[in-house]
N, C-alpha and C. Protein backbone atom coordinates (compact mmCIF):
# COMPACT_ATOMS: atom_id res chain seq x y z
N MET A 1 -34.37 -20.71 -27.03
CA MET A 1 -35.28 -19.50 -27.54
C MET A 1 -34.60 -19.28 -28.90
N ALA A 2 -33.30 -19.64 -29.18
CA ALA A 2 -32.61 -19.11 -30.35
C ALA A 2 -33.50 -20.23 -31.43
N LYS A 3 -33.77 -21.09 -31.09
CA LYS A 3 -34.50 -22.10 -32.18
C LYS A 3 -35.73 -21.80 -32.21
N GLY A 4 -36.62 -21.16 -31.53
CA GLY A 4 -38.16 -20.60 -31.83
C GLY A 4 -37.93 -19.42 -32.62
N GLY A 5 -36.76 -18.88 -33.01
CA GLY A 5 -36.87 -17.67 -33.94
C GLY A 5 -36.41 -16.36 -33.39
N PHE A 6 -36.21 -16.56 -32.03
CA PHE A 6 -35.71 -15.48 -30.97
C PHE A 6 -34.08 -15.25 -31.44
N THR A 7 -33.78 -14.08 -31.52
CA THR A 7 -32.46 -13.60 -31.26
C THR A 7 -31.95 -13.20 -30.08
N VAL A 8 -30.97 -14.12 -29.37
CA VAL A 8 -30.45 -13.77 -28.21
C VAL A 8 -29.11 -13.27 -27.93
N ASP A 9 -28.54 -12.78 -29.31
CA ASP A 9 -27.40 -12.15 -29.58
C ASP A 9 -26.91 -11.22 -28.65
N TRP A 10 -27.96 -10.16 -28.58
CA TRP A 10 -27.75 -8.82 -27.57
C TRP A 10 -27.73 -9.63 -25.90
N LEU A 11 -28.45 -10.30 -25.72
CA LEU A 11 -28.36 -10.90 -24.45
C LEU A 11 -27.00 -11.49 -24.07
N GLU A 12 -26.47 -12.35 -25.11
CA GLU A 12 -25.19 -13.08 -25.07
C GLU A 12 -24.25 -11.96 -24.88
N LYS A 13 -24.40 -10.77 -25.63
CA LYS A 13 -23.47 -9.78 -25.61
C LYS A 13 -23.46 -9.18 -24.23
N LYS A 14 -24.55 -8.83 -23.59
CA LYS A 14 -24.56 -8.25 -22.50
C LYS A 14 -24.01 -8.95 -21.08
N LEU A 15 -24.20 -10.43 -21.12
CA LEU A 15 -23.68 -11.28 -20.32
C LEU A 15 -22.29 -11.24 -20.24
N GLU A 16 -21.79 -11.16 -21.56
CA GLU A 16 -20.21 -11.05 -21.81
C GLU A 16 -19.75 -9.68 -20.82
N GLU A 17 -20.22 -8.62 -21.16
CA GLU A 17 -20.08 -7.42 -20.56
C GLU A 17 -20.04 -7.44 -19.00
N VAL A 18 -20.89 -8.06 -18.76
CA VAL A 18 -21.42 -8.40 -17.15
C VAL A 18 -20.14 -9.13 -16.62
N LYS A 19 -19.54 -10.32 -17.21
CA LYS A 19 -18.62 -11.16 -16.94
C LYS A 19 -17.23 -10.43 -16.88
N GLU A 20 -17.06 -9.46 -17.91
CA GLU A 20 -15.64 -8.77 -17.95
C GLU A 20 -15.75 -7.91 -16.94
N ASN A 21 -17.04 -7.17 -16.72
CA ASN A 21 -17.02 -5.97 -15.64
C ASN A 21 -16.61 -6.54 -14.22
N LYS A 22 -17.26 -8.05 -14.01
CA LYS A 22 -17.18 -8.57 -12.79
C LYS A 22 -15.66 -9.11 -12.29
N LYS A 23 -14.90 -9.30 -13.44
CA LYS A 23 -13.66 -9.82 -13.55
C LYS A 23 -12.67 -8.74 -13.19
N LYS A 24 -13.15 -7.55 -13.77
CA LYS A 24 -12.34 -6.38 -13.56
C LYS A 24 -12.43 -5.79 -12.18
N VAL A 25 -13.64 -5.84 -11.70
CA VAL A 25 -14.02 -5.59 -10.07
C VAL A 25 -13.21 -6.32 -9.27
N ASP A 26 -13.18 -7.69 -9.69
CA ASP A 26 -12.42 -8.77 -8.93
C ASP A 26 -10.94 -8.44 -8.91
N THR A 27 -10.58 -8.30 -9.83
CA THR A 27 -8.98 -8.06 -10.22
C THR A 27 -8.78 -6.81 -9.59
N GLY A 28 -9.52 -5.88 -9.50
CA GLY A 28 -9.19 -4.29 -8.89
C GLY A 28 -9.13 -4.67 -7.43
N LYS A 29 -10.09 -5.38 -7.00
CA LYS A 29 -10.35 -5.52 -5.28
C LYS A 29 -8.91 -6.43 -5.04
N ALA A 30 -8.49 -7.33 -5.50
CA ALA A 30 -7.46 -7.96 -5.17
C ALA A 30 -6.28 -7.22 -5.33
N ARG A 31 -5.99 -6.20 -6.21
CA ARG A 31 -4.82 -5.34 -6.30
C ARG A 31 -4.70 -4.32 -5.28
N LEU A 32 -5.92 -3.64 -5.00
CA LEU A 32 -6.15 -3.02 -3.90
C LEU A 32 -5.86 -3.36 -2.49
N GLN A 33 -6.03 -4.78 -2.19
CA GLN A 33 -5.83 -5.44 -1.18
C GLN A 33 -4.06 -5.75 -0.94
N GLN A 34 -3.57 -6.02 -2.11
CA GLN A 34 -2.07 -6.03 -2.22
C GLN A 34 -1.38 -4.50 -1.87
N MET A 35 -2.09 -3.72 -2.52
CA MET A 35 -1.53 -2.31 -2.40
C MET A 35 -1.80 -1.89 -0.61
N GLU A 36 -2.59 -2.16 -0.08
CA GLU A 36 -2.98 -1.78 1.21
C GLU A 36 -1.94 -2.55 1.93
N GLN A 37 -1.74 -3.92 1.81
CA GLN A 37 -0.71 -4.67 2.83
C GLN A 37 0.64 -3.95 2.46
N GLU A 38 0.92 -3.57 1.33
CA GLU A 38 2.37 -3.15 1.08
C GLU A 38 2.37 -1.59 1.76
N LEU A 39 1.31 -0.83 1.61
CA LEU A 39 1.35 0.35 2.33
C LEU A 39 1.63 0.36 3.75
N GLN A 40 1.10 -0.83 4.28
CA GLN A 40 1.18 -1.01 5.84
C GLN A 40 2.46 -1.17 6.13
N LYS A 41 3.14 -2.14 5.19
CA LYS A 41 4.34 -2.51 5.47
C LYS A 41 5.40 -1.38 5.40
N LEU A 42 5.24 -0.42 4.33
CA LEU A 42 5.94 0.70 4.28
C LEU A 42 5.85 1.65 5.51
N ASN A 43 4.55 1.77 6.01
CA ASN A 43 4.34 2.75 7.02
C ASN A 43 5.14 2.25 8.37
N GLN A 44 5.06 1.06 8.60
CA GLN A 44 5.75 0.31 9.75
C GLN A 44 7.27 0.74 9.44
N LYS A 45 7.81 0.50 8.43
CA LYS A 45 9.21 0.88 8.07
C LYS A 45 9.38 2.25 8.43
N CYS A 46 8.73 3.11 7.80
CA CYS A 46 8.83 4.48 8.24
C CYS A 46 8.81 4.70 9.99
N LEU A 47 7.93 4.31 10.16
CA LEU A 47 8.03 4.29 11.93
C LEU A 47 9.12 3.88 12.56
N ASP A 48 9.64 2.65 12.20
CA ASP A 48 10.69 2.23 12.72
C ASP A 48 12.02 2.96 12.45
N LEU A 49 12.00 3.58 11.10
CA LEU A 49 13.00 4.43 10.86
C LEU A 49 13.12 5.87 11.53
N LYS A 50 11.98 6.16 11.82
CA LYS A 50 11.75 7.63 12.48
C LYS A 50 12.22 7.21 14.07
N ALA A 51 11.77 6.17 14.73
CA ALA A 51 12.15 5.87 16.05
C ALA A 51 13.79 5.63 15.98
N LEU A 52 14.18 5.30 15.05
CA LEU A 52 15.82 4.96 14.93
C LEU A 52 16.63 6.39 14.96
N MET A 53 15.95 7.35 14.21
CA MET A 53 16.45 8.55 13.96
C MET A 53 16.39 9.46 15.32
N GLU A 54 15.24 9.09 15.93
CA GLU A 54 15.15 9.91 17.24
C GLU A 54 15.93 9.51 18.29
N LYS A 55 16.25 8.16 18.12
CA LYS A 55 17.09 7.50 19.22
C LYS A 55 18.73 8.09 18.93
N GLU A 56 18.73 8.07 17.61
CA GLU A 56 20.34 8.56 17.17
C GLU A 56 20.55 9.95 17.81
N ASP A 57 19.33 10.62 17.51
CA ASP A 57 19.48 12.14 17.77
C ASP A 57 19.59 12.33 19.10
N ALA A 58 19.21 11.62 19.79
CA ALA A 58 19.06 11.67 21.47
C ALA A 58 20.57 11.35 21.91
N ASP A 59 21.10 10.47 21.31
CA ASP A 59 22.42 9.66 21.48
C ASP A 59 23.42 10.97 21.19
N VAL A 60 23.31 11.50 20.00
CA VAL A 60 24.05 12.70 19.57
C VAL A 60 23.96 14.02 20.32
N SER A 61 22.88 14.25 20.78
CA SER A 61 22.68 15.27 21.52
C SER A 61 23.32 15.29 22.86
N ALA A 62 23.17 13.68 23.37
CA ALA A 62 23.90 13.56 24.83
C ALA A 62 25.28 13.63 24.62
N SER A 63 25.92 13.25 23.70
CA SER A 63 27.22 13.29 23.51
C SER A 63 27.95 14.63 23.17
N ASN A 64 27.02 15.60 22.58
CA ASN A 64 27.48 16.84 22.17
C ASN A 64 27.47 17.74 23.39
N VAL A 65 28.13 17.83 24.33
CA VAL A 65 28.25 18.79 25.28
C VAL A 65 29.61 19.53 25.36
N ALA A 66 29.23 20.71 25.57
CA ALA A 66 30.36 21.78 25.53
C ALA A 66 31.57 21.61 26.57
N PHE A 67 32.77 21.48 25.93
CA PHE A 67 34.01 21.31 26.96
C PHE A 67 34.44 22.41 27.37
N SER A 68 35.03 22.35 28.40
CA SER A 68 35.90 23.98 28.90
C SER A 68 37.06 23.52 29.08
N PHE A 69 38.12 24.46 29.25
CA PHE A 69 39.39 24.18 29.12
C PHE A 69 40.01 23.20 30.37
N ASP A 70 39.00 23.59 31.62
CA ASP A 70 39.22 22.83 32.75
C ASP A 70 38.99 21.19 32.52
N ASP A 71 38.02 20.98 31.66
CA ASP A 71 37.65 19.37 31.44
C ASP A 71 38.88 18.60 30.64
N VAL A 72 39.69 19.35 29.95
CA VAL A 72 40.86 18.91 29.13
C VAL A 72 41.98 18.91 29.97
N VAL A 73 42.10 19.74 31.08
CA VAL A 73 43.36 19.41 31.81
C VAL A 73 43.21 18.91 32.88
């Protein structure tokens, strides 16, 4: 079409914009997926740590009984 006297610069420019936008979207989707996976790992670590804290608290509570003088003698 350019040989026939038509200018297609605007079309080429628009095509470049579309390509750049698609690249941004694809890159953004990949980053979001990576962040989601990392968040899942961190959430699991938090759950594991919370369970460990609850177990430790239960152990401490069980060990923290009041002693009387009769228990010592």
